[in-house]
Amino acid sequence: MALPTVEVVSEQLAAVSGATEVTPDAPIRHIPGVDSLDLMEWLYNFQNEHPDIPADESLFADLDDSTTMRDVYAKLVDLAPQPAEA
């Protein structure tokens, strides 16, 4: 299954948290309505939808005041299996 876009994963976090808006470049810790439980629920849902991507809590290990969903997404891209070359 293909990795969703950064906009889609941001929308998924908004849906889980109930936040009015989660944009890819907004610092996660400064998004009203998003807390650590929301991040874990989003991660659980992501893991269920994408079992081929070994994402875990380490995605948020270095979460600071500047970490965005775009930063998290970059980690997901690194974890995603690469297509075999012909």
Protein backbone atom coordinates (compact mmCIF):
# COMPACT_ATOMS: atom_id res chain seq x y z
CA MET A 1 0.00 0.00 0.00
CA ALA A 2 1.34 3.42 -0.94
CA LEU A 3 2.26 5.97 1.69
CA PRO A 4 -0.39 8.69 1.98
CA THR A 5 0.65 12.30 1.41
CA VAL A 6 1.80 14.59 4.21
CA GLU A 7 -1.49 16.47 3.85
CA VAL A 8 -3.46 13.25 4.35
CA VAL A 9 -1.54 12.22 7.49
CA SER A 10 -2.09 15.74 8.85
CA GLU A 11 -5.82 15.47 8.16
CA GLN A 12 -5.84 12.07 9.88
CA LEU A 13 -4.28 13.59 13.00
CA ALA A 14 -6.90 16.35 12.92
CA ALA A 15 -9.66 13.75 12.69
CA VAL A 16 -8.28 11.73 15.61
CA SER A 17 -7.66 14.74 17.84
CA GLY A 18 -10.69 16.82 16.96
CA ALA A 19 -8.37 19.75 16.24
CA THR A 20 -9.88 22.33 13.94
CA GLU A 21 -6.89 22.22 11.63
CA VAL A 22 -3.57 20.39 11.45
CA THR A 23 -1.32 21.69 8.71
CA PRO A 24 1.87 19.88 7.72
CA ASP A 25 4.11 22.76 8.83
CA ALA A 26 2.48 23.65 12.14
CA PRO A 27 4.55 22.71 15.20
CA ILE A 28 2.67 19.74 16.69
CA ARG A 29 3.05 20.88 20.30
CA HIS A 30 1.37 24.19 19.45
CA ILE A 31 -1.71 22.76 17.72
CA PRO A 32 -4.72 23.31 20.00
CA GLY A 33 -6.43 20.03 20.76
CA VAL A 34 -3.49 17.73 19.93
CA ASP A 35 -1.82 15.89 22.79
CA SER A 36 0.38 12.82 23.20
CA LEU A 37 -2.61 10.47 23.42
CA ASP A 38 -3.84 11.79 20.07
CA LEU A 39 -0.42 11.12 18.54
CA MET A 40 -0.47 7.54 19.83
CA GLU A 41 -4.01 6.99 18.54
CA TRP A 42 -2.98 8.39 15.14
CA LEU A 43 0.07 6.08 15.17
CA TYR A 44 -2.06 3.04 16.07
CA ASN A 45 -4.40 3.80 13.16
CA PHE A 46 -1.44 4.35 10.82
CA GLN A 47 0.11 1.02 11.87
CA ASN A 48 -3.16 -0.78 11.17
CA GLU A 49 -3.52 0.83 7.74
CA HIS A 50 0.15 0.39 6.79
CA PRO A 51 1.51 -2.77 8.44
CA ASP A 52 4.36 -2.85 5.90
CA ILE A 53 5.84 0.38 7.35
CA PRO A 54 7.59 -0.31 10.67
CA ALA A 55 6.44 2.91 12.35
CA ASP A 56 6.44 3.02 16.14
CA GLU A 57 6.63 5.46 19.06
CA SER A 58 10.15 6.45 18.03
CA LEU A 59 8.55 8.73 15.43
CA PHE A 60 7.89 11.10 18.32
CA ALA A 61 11.04 10.43 20.37
CA ASP A 62 12.62 13.78 19.57
CA LEU A 63 9.39 15.79 19.51
CA ASP A 64 10.14 19.39 20.44
CA ASP A 65 8.52 22.78 19.99
CA SER A 66 9.48 22.91 16.32
CA THR A 67 8.55 19.36 15.20
CA THR A 68 5.88 19.32 12.50
CA MET A 69 3.90 16.59 10.77
CA ARG A 70 6.19 17.19 7.79
CA ASP A 71 9.11 16.11 10.03
CA VAL A 72 7.19 13.01 11.14
CA TYR A 73 6.28 12.32 7.52
CA ALA A 74 9.95 12.44 6.50
CA LYS A 75 10.61 9.67 9.02
CA LEU A 76 7.73 7.65 7.57
CA VAL A 77 9.20 8.03 4.08
CA ASP A 78 12.53 6.71 5.38
CA LEU A 79 10.77 3.71 6.96
CA ALA A 80 8.63 2.85 3.94
CA PRO A 81 9.82 -0.14 1.94
CA GLN A 82 11.41 0.87 -1.34
CA PRO A 83 10.20 -0.75 -4.54
CA ALA A 84 12.55 -3.38 -5.92
CA GLU A 85 14.60 -2.25 -8.86
CA ALA A 86 14.26 -4.21 -12.07
